Amino acid sequence: MSVLKWSAAEVAKKVIENKELFILDVRNTDAFEDWKIDGHKFEYLNIPYFELLDGVAEILPKIPTDKDVLVVCAKEGSSMMVAEMLSDTGRTVAYLEGGMKTWSEYLEPIKIGDLTGGGELYQFVRLGKGCLSYMVISEGEAAIIDAVRFTDVFTNFAKEKNVQIKHIFDTHLHADHISGGRHIAAQTGATYYLPPKDAEEVVFDYTPLVDGNVVQIGASKIDVGALYSPGHTIGSTSFVVDNKYLLTGDILFIDSIGRPDLAGLAEDWVGDLRETLYKRYRELSDDLVVLPAHFMIIDELNEDGTVAKRLGELFAENHGLNIEDDETFRSIVTDNLPPQPNAYQEIRQVNMGKITPALEEQTEMEIGPNRCAVR
């Protein structure tokens, strides 16, 4: 039987449409336990490739025949060989084209909603890394917020929509992934904005993004308003778009809150984090729809694949927003930090413009799960 080859886009469709899938992951156990392809209705079997060199007969009873089966490895080669071995036994299976490397890089654009005067807001969901980027479109113009490094995804999408990218924002200096913001700006002539308190060490030109900045997109007065909201970083800035959406960067997530330690200043910034979450955000409308820069777990995705929830619902349900005592908050935030993101110090250096690694090295720097939140 022939072996099927699935693209990351095909697997993403399984995630977003809540389809069943059985994944045979042939990476080493530690790699699988640290990071895998998450789906609402996915089942998993992890058997390292080297255990299958003598054949797949022993694992056949564990692999279902009544659902789709996908074999996954780091970069494709091992999964292709195992898929061929399974195919030789008469099983219909697929392997993931490009492996987990490709999965880490794939972005799925999903429409969030319509804006005043015919505008649109799109969320770009990076399922394999938990990154979320945004494009605001109005009357032939576009603004991008928290773009990841795959610049062609954004420029090609803008071409499809027949819009010109005019403004690019980073909510903060990212530490878990490499920003594509200034590179898109260089390609398109757009203005690149960065919070100046996060930009003290950057070595490139940027436009300061400060509290109260309002940048109009198109002629339909879709304002992208900046709200200073420190805590994850000292410069972290949120955006209120069209008085409907609150883009929170890495300060507030659907199921958790941002960690304050990625510049080594958890004790210094935890107070800022609490003030942003418990004072600044409390002054905003409960009806604003929160759109974060990351998600941590698959359960944060809505039925349509978007990551979004009303601010009022988060005040009621998000544990990080319901810690009454300052000292308890400080303890929870500083004592419950997950492992640091992979190569986060080097990623910060890249985003400052101080180093420019080769593409393969950038891929290795970003491999692994998102770790921007307090557990």
Protein backbone atom coordinates (compact mmCIF):
# COMPACT_ATOMS: atom_id res chain seq x y z
CA MET A 1 0.00 0.00 0.00
CA SER A 2 1.16 3.54 -0.66
CA VAL A 3 2.33 5.80 2.15
CA LEU A 4 0.48 9.09 2.52
CA LYS A 5 2.27 12.37 3.15
CA TRP A 6 0.43 15.01 5.14
CA SER A 7 1.36 18.67 5.29
CA ALA A 8 1.29 20.71 8.50
CA ALA A 9 -1.77 22.49 7.08
CA GLU A 10 -3.64 19.18 6.81
CA VAL A 11 -2.80 18.31 10.41
CA ALA A 12 -3.81 21.81 11.53
CA LYS A 13 -7.20 21.25 9.92
CA LYS A 14 -7.61 18.12 12.08
CA VAL A 15 -6.90 20.20 15.18
CA ILE A 16 -9.19 23.09 14.30
CA GLU A 17 -12.08 20.88 13.17
CA ASN A 18 -11.78 18.64 16.26
CA LYS A 19 -11.19 15.50 14.22
CA GLU A 20 -9.88 12.22 15.61
CA LEU A 21 -6.27 11.29 14.90
CA PHE A 22 -3.88 8.63 16.17
CA ILE A 23 -0.27 9.79 16.27
CA LEU A 24 2.68 7.41 16.40
CA ASP A 25 5.53 9.65 17.54
CA VAL A 26 8.93 8.00 16.96
CA ARG A 27 11.07 10.67 18.62
CA ASN A 28 12.89 9.98 21.88
CA THR A 29 10.64 9.86 24.92
CA ASP A 30 12.01 13.03 26.51
CA ALA A 31 11.36 15.02 23.33
CA PHE A 32 7.81 13.65 23.07
CA GLU A 33 7.01 14.36 26.72
CA ASP A 34 8.31 17.92 26.41
CA TRP A 35 6.40 18.80 23.23
CA LYS A 36 3.96 17.09 20.90
CA ILE A 37 1.21 17.83 18.39
CA ASP A 38 -1.82 18.64 20.52
CA GLY A 39 -5.38 18.00 19.40
CA HIS A 40 -8.70 17.82 21.21
CA LYS A 41 -9.36 14.27 20.02
CA PHE A 42 -5.85 12.99 19.40
CA GLU A 43 -4.44 9.73 20.78
CA TYR A 44 -0.73 9.01 21.04
CA LEU A 45 1.77 6.20 21.05
CA ASN A 46 5.42 7.10 21.60
CA ILE A 47 7.90 4.46 20.46
CA PRO A 48 11.43 5.77 19.75
CA TYR A 49 12.57 4.98 16.22
CA PHE A 50 15.55 2.91 17.32
CA GLU A 51 13.17 0.44 18.99
CA LEU A 52 11.53 -0.21 15.61
CA LEU A 53 14.65 -0.94 13.56
CA ASP A 54 13.90 -4.68 13.63
CA GLY A 55 10.30 -4.22 12.53
CA VAL A 56 6.87 -2.99 13.58
CA ALA A 57 5.12 -6.32 14.19
CA GLU A 58 5.05 -5.88 17.99
CA ILE A 59 3.30 -2.51 17.87
CA LEU A 60 0.65 -3.41 15.27
CA PRO A 61 -1.95 -4.40 17.91
CA LYS A 62 -1.58 -0.93 19.47
CA ILE A 63 -2.29 0.94 16.23
CA PRO A 64 -6.00 1.34 15.36
CA THR A 65 -7.43 0.41 12.00
CA ASP A 66 -10.59 2.52 12.32
CA LYS A 67 -9.05 6.01 12.37
CA ASP A 68 -6.39 8.06 10.63
CA VAL A 69 -2.82 7.27 11.71
CA LEU A 70 0.02 9.79 11.44
CA VAL A 71 3.68 8.96 12.07
CA VAL A 72 5.76 11.88 13.38
CA CYS A 73 9.46 12.48 13.98
CA ALA A 74 11.74 15.50 14.28
CA LYS A 75 12.49 16.21 10.61
CA GLU A 76 10.63 13.57 8.53
CA GLY A 77 13.17 10.87 7.72
CA SER A 78 12.49 8.42 10.56
CA SER A 79 8.71 8.80 10.34
CA MET A 80 8.78 8.14 6.59
CA MET A 81 10.68 4.89 7.14
CA VAL A 82 8.35 3.71 9.92
CA ALA A 83 5.31 4.65 7.83
CA GLU A 84 6.69 2.55 4.97
CA MET A 85 7.23 -0.39 7.33
CA LEU A 86 3.63 -0.12 8.52
CA SER A 87 2.43 0.18 4.94
CA ASP A 88 4.25 -3.03 4.07
CA THR A 89 2.06 -4.82 6.63
CA GLY A 90 -1.06 -3.59 4.86
CA ARG A 91 -1.81 -0.60 7.07
CA THR A 92 -2.84 2.77 5.64
CA VAL A 93 -0.79 5.44 7.39
CA ALA A 94 0.63 8.90 6.73
CA TYR A 95 3.76 10.70 7.86
CA LEU A 96 4.16 14.40 8.62
CA GLU A 97 6.00 16.21 5.86
CA GLY A 98 8.96 18.02 7.38
CA GLY A 99 8.35 16.56 10.84
CA MET A 100 8.03 18.60 14.01
CA LYS A 101 10.23 21.27 12.45
CA THR A 102 7.49 22.04 9.92
CA TRP A 103 4.78 21.78 12.56
CA SER A 104 6.58 24.36 14.69
CA GLU A 105 6.62 26.82 11.80
CA TYR A 106 3.09 26.52 10.41
CA LEU A 107 0.66 29.45 10.76
CA GLU A 108 -3.10 29.20 10.23
CA PRO A 109 -4.87 32.52 9.55
CA ILE A 110 -8.38 32.65 11.02
CA LYS A 111 -10.81 35.55 10.86
CA ILE A 112 -11.70 36.90 14.30
CA GLY A 113 -14.40 39.31 13.21
CA ASP A 114 -15.53 42.38 11.31
CA LEU A 115 -14.57 45.89 12.32
CA THR A 116 -16.23 49.25 11.88
CA GLY A 117 -16.74 50.35 8.28
CA GLY A 118 -15.97 47.02 6.68
CA GLY A 119 -12.62 46.29 8.32
CA GLU A 120 -11.47 42.84 9.41
CA LEU A 121 -9.30 41.34 12.12
CA TYR A 122 -7.36 38.11 11.57
CA GLN A 123 -5.52 35.91 14.06
CA PHE A 124 -2.56 33.86 12.82
CA VAL A 125 -2.41 30.73 14.96
CA ARG A 126 0.96 28.98 15.22
CA LEU A 127 -0.36 25.70 16.59
CA GLY A 128 3.01 24.06 17.06
CA LYS A 129 4.45 26.89 19.14
CA GLY A 130 1.41 28.54 20.71
CA CYS A 131 2.21 31.93 19.12
CA LEU A 132 -0.59 34.24 18.03
CA SER A 133 -0.11 37.12 15.59
CA TYR A 134 -2.70 39.60 14.28
CA MET A 135 -3.54 41.62 11.20
CA VAL A 136 -5.95 44.55 11.26
CA ILE A 137 -7.30 45.44 7.81
CA SER A 138 -9.24 48.53 6.76
CA GLU A 139 -9.75 50.24 3.40
CA GLY A 140 -6.63 48.97 1.70
CA GLU A 141 -4.33 49.28 4.72
CA ALA A 142 -3.09 46.77 7.27
CA ALA A 143 -1.39 46.71 10.63
CA ILE A 144 0.37 43.64 12.05
CA ILE A 145 0.80 42.93 15.76
CA ASP A 146 3.35 40.45 17.15
CA ALA A 147 4.48 39.00 13.83
CA VAL A 148 6.61 35.86 14.02
CA ARG A 149 9.67 35.42 11.80
CA PHE A 150 7.90 33.85 8.81
CA THR A 151 7.49 37.15 7.02
CA ASP A 152 6.17 35.68 3.75
CA VAL A 153 3.03 34.45 5.50
CA PHE A 154 2.06 38.02 6.35
CA THR A 155 3.17 39.71 3.14
CA ASN A 156 1.47 37.06 0.99
CA PHE A 157 -1.73 37.31 3.04
CA ALA A 158 -1.70 41.10 2.58
CA LYS A 159 -1.33 40.58 -1.20
CA GLU A 160 -4.28 38.17 -1.19
CA LYS A 161 -6.35 40.81 0.60
CA ASN A 162 -5.04 43.53 -1.70
CA VAL A 163 -3.91 45.70 1.23
CA GLN A 164 -0.71 47.59 1.99
CA ILE A 165 1.06 46.90 5.29
CA LYS A 166 1.49 50.33 6.89
CA HIS A 167 2.16 49.66 10.57
CA ILE A 168 3.82 46.86 12.54
CA PHE A 169 3.81 46.54 16.32
CA ASP A 170 5.49 44.30 18.85
CA THR A 171 3.73 44.36 22.21
CA HIS A 172 7.09 43.74 23.89
CA LEU A 173 10.59 42.41 23.27
CA HIS A 174 9.84 38.72 22.77
CA ALA A 175 11.94 36.03 24.44
CA ASP A 176 10.35 32.78 23.24
CA HIS A 177 10.27 33.39 19.50
CA ILE A 178 12.01 35.54 16.91
CA SER A 179 10.01 38.54 15.78
CA GLY A 180 9.45 39.22 12.11
CA GLY A 181 8.28 42.77 12.75
CA ARG A 182 11.24 44.87 11.72
CA HIS A 183 11.99 42.60 8.76
CA ILE A 184 8.47 43.03 7.38
CA ALA A 185 8.85 46.77 7.92
CA ALA A 186 12.09 46.74 5.92
CA GLN A 187 10.39 44.82 3.08
CA THR A 188 7.26 46.96 2.93
CA GLY A 189 8.29 50.41 4.15
CA ALA A 190 5.87 50.11 7.07
CA THR A 191 6.52 51.84 10.38
CA TYR A 192 7.83 49.49 13.09
CA TYR A 193 6.82 50.26 16.66
CA LEU A 194 8.40 48.90 19.83
CA PRO A 195 7.93 49.94 23.49
CA PRO A 196 10.98 52.10 24.32
CA LYS A 197 11.38 50.60 27.81
CA ASP A 198 11.98 47.23 26.13
CA ALA A 199 14.22 48.74 23.47
CA GLU A 200 17.10 50.19 25.47
CA GLU A 201 19.54 47.66 24.01
CA VAL A 202 18.23 47.39 20.44
CA VAL A 203 20.65 48.36 17.70
CA PHE A 204 18.15 49.31 14.96
CA ASP A 205 15.79 52.21 14.37
CA TYR A 206 12.19 51.97 15.56
CA THR A 207 9.26 54.22 16.38
CA PRO A 208 8.55 54.41 20.13
CA LEU A 209 5.24 52.89 21.21
CA VAL A 210 3.98 54.67 24.30
CA ASP A 211 0.85 54.78 26.43
CA GLY A 212 -1.95 56.56 24.65
CA ASN A 213 -0.58 56.15 21.12
CA VAL A 214 -3.44 55.91 18.63
CA VAL A 215 -2.63 54.76 15.08
CA GLN A 216 -5.46 54.91 12.57
CA ILE A 217 -5.75 52.10 10.04
CA GLY A 218 -7.49 53.09 6.84
CA ALA A 219 -10.07 55.84 6.57
CA SER A 220 -12.70 54.07 8.65
CA LYS A 221 -11.19 55.16 11.95
CA ILE A 222 -10.21 51.74 13.21
CA ASP A 223 -7.97 52.96 15.99
CA VAL A 224 -5.23 50.74 17.36
CA GLY A 225 -4.81 52.32 20.78
CA ALA A 226 -1.83 51.52 23.01
CA LEU A 227 -2.19 50.78 26.71
CA TYR A 228 0.99 50.56 28.79
CA SER A 229 0.74 47.28 30.71
CA PRO A 230 4.07 46.20 32.25
CA GLY A 231 4.66 42.96 34.08
CA HIS A 232 5.81 40.37 31.57
CA THR A 233 8.42 42.91 30.51
CA ILE A 234 8.88 46.47 31.73
CA GLY A 235 7.69 47.81 28.38
CA SER A 236 4.77 45.45 27.72
CA THR A 237 2.00 47.29 25.90
CA SER A 238 -1.55 46.19 25.13
CA PHE A 239 -3.80 47.37 22.31
CA VAL A 240 -7.48 48.19 22.17
CA VAL A 241 -8.62 47.73 18.58
CA ASP A 242 -11.84 49.35 17.38
CA ASN A 243 -13.12 49.51 20.97
CA LYS A 244 -13.92 45.79 20.61
CA TYR A 245 -10.73 43.83 21.12
CA LEU A 246 -7.99 43.86 23.76
CA LEU A 247 -4.70 42.48 22.49
CA THR A 248 -2.84 41.61 25.70
CA GLY A 249 0.53 40.43 24.40
CA ASP A 250 2.05 38.11 27.02
CA ILE A 251 0.43 39.77 30.04
CA LEU A 252 -2.89 37.91 30.09
CA PHE A 253 -3.77 34.58 28.51
CA ILE A 254 -7.05 32.67 28.39
CA ASP A 255 -6.05 30.14 31.03
CA SER A 256 -3.15 31.84 32.81
CA ILE A 257 -1.13 35.03 33.22
CA GLY A 258 2.26 36.15 31.95
CA ARG A 259 5.52 35.30 33.70
CA PRO A 260 7.68 38.25 34.81
CA ASP A 261 11.11 36.60 34.81
CA LEU A 262 12.41 36.36 31.25
CA ALA A 263 14.79 39.28 31.74
CA GLY A 264 15.83 37.93 35.15
CA LEU A 265 13.68 40.45 37.02
CA ALA A 266 10.78 38.44 38.42
CA GLU A 267 10.95 40.01 41.88
CA ASP A 268 11.14 43.50 40.38
CA TRP A 269 8.33 43.10 37.87
CA VAL A 270 5.76 41.04 39.79
CA GLY A 271 4.29 44.23 41.27
CA ASP A 272 3.89 45.72 37.80
CA LEU A 273 2.20 42.52 36.65
CA ARG A 274 -0.33 42.69 39.48
CA GLU A 275 -1.06 46.38 38.89
CA THR A 276 -1.67 45.77 35.19
CA LEU A 277 -3.97 42.80 35.75
CA TYR A 278 -5.80 44.03 38.83
CA LYS A 279 -6.00 47.79 38.18
CA ARG A 280 -5.35 48.80 34.57
CA TYR A 281 -7.38 45.97 33.07
CA ARG A 282 -10.14 46.33 35.68
CA GLU A 283 -10.81 49.81 34.35
CA LEU A 284 -11.57 48.45 30.89
CA SER A 285 -14.92 47.21 29.59
CA ASP A 286 -15.80 43.60 30.44
CA ASP A 287 -17.10 43.28 26.88
CA LEU A 288 -13.67 43.65 25.30
CA VAL A 289 -12.57 40.38 23.66
CA VAL A 290 -9.13 39.35 24.90
CA LEU A 291 -6.71 38.27 22.17
CA PRO A 292 -3.37 37.16 23.67
CA ALA A 293 -0.01 36.69 21.96
CA HIS A 294 0.19 33.03 23.03
CA PHE A 295 -1.80 30.05 24.18
CA MET A 296 -0.47 27.29 26.38
CA ILE A 297 -2.88 24.35 26.07
CA ILE A 298 -5.17 23.08 23.32
CA ASP A 299 -8.24 23.66 25.51
CA GLU A 300 -7.74 27.42 25.08
CA LEU A 301 -8.80 27.12 21.43
CA ASN A 302 -12.43 27.84 20.62
CA GLU A 303 -14.48 25.60 18.33
CA ASP A 304 -13.43 27.62 15.29
CA GLY A 305 -9.74 27.40 16.19
CA THR A 306 -9.44 30.97 17.48
CA VAL A 307 -8.04 31.91 20.87
CA ALA A 308 -10.33 34.61 22.28
CA LYS A 309 -12.57 35.27 25.27
CA ARG A 310 -14.39 38.21 26.85
CA LEU A 311 -12.43 40.06 29.51
CA GLY A 312 -15.36 39.75 31.92
CA GLU A 313 -15.29 35.97 31.58
CA LEU A 314 -11.57 35.91 32.33
CA PHE A 315 -12.05 38.00 35.47
CA ALA A 316 -14.55 35.35 36.58
CA GLU A 317 -12.66 32.23 35.49
CA ASN A 318 -8.90 32.87 35.19
CA HIS A 319 -7.22 31.90 38.47
CA GLY A 320 -4.45 34.43 37.92
CA LEU A 321 -7.01 37.24 38.07
CA ASN A 322 -8.57 36.04 41.34
CA ILE A 323 -5.75 36.07 43.90
CA GLU A 324 -6.84 38.53 46.58
CA ASP A 325 -3.66 38.88 48.62
CA ASP A 326 -0.57 40.66 47.26
CA GLU A 327 1.88 38.31 48.97
CA THR A 328 0.02 35.22 47.77
CA PHE A 329 0.11 36.61 44.23
CA ARG A 330 3.83 37.31 44.51
CA SER A 331 4.48 33.79 45.78
CA ILE A 332 2.37 32.09 43.11
CA VAL A 333 3.94 34.09 40.29
CA THR A 334 7.56 33.70 41.37
CA ASP A 335 7.37 30.14 42.79
CA ASN A 336 5.44 28.46 39.97
CA LEU A 337 7.49 29.32 36.94
CA PRO A 338 7.91 26.64 34.27
CA PRO A 339 11.29 25.99 32.64
CA GLN A 340 12.68 28.91 30.66
CA PRO A 341 11.91 28.94 26.93
CA ASN A 342 14.50 27.27 24.73
CA ALA A 343 17.43 29.65 24.01
CA TYR A 344 15.46 32.60 25.37
CA GLN A 345 18.50 34.73 26.07
CA GLU A 346 19.75 34.27 22.51
CA ILE A 347 16.28 34.97 21.13
CA ARG A 348 16.21 38.26 23.04
CA GLN A 349 19.59 39.09 21.48
CA VAL A 350 18.21 38.36 18.02
CA ASN A 351 15.19 40.57 18.67
CA MET A 352 17.52 43.36 19.82
CA GLY A 353 19.34 43.10 16.50
CA LYS A 354 22.61 42.13 18.17
CA ILE A 355 22.99 38.72 16.51
CA THR A 356 21.69 37.28 13.23
CA PRO A 357 21.78 33.48 13.28
CA ALA A 358 21.41 31.36 10.17
CA LEU A 359 17.89 30.10 9.41
CA GLU A 360 18.65 26.57 10.59
CA GLU A 361 19.93 27.93 13.89
CA GLN A 362 16.82 30.09 14.28
CA THR A 363 14.71 26.97 13.85
CA GLU A 364 16.65 25.15 16.56
CA MET A 365 16.36 28.16 18.89
CA GLU A 366 12.57 28.12 18.64
CA ILE A 367 11.99 24.36 18.87
CA GLY A 368 9.83 23.34 21.80
CA PRO A 369 6.64 24.47 23.53
CA ASN A 370 5.60 27.96 24.49
CA ARG A 371 6.58 28.81 28.06
CA CYS A 372 5.47 32.41 28.53
CA ALA A 373 2.93 31.77 31.28
CA VAL A 374 2.86 31.16 35.00
CA ARG A 375 1.66 27.63 35.63
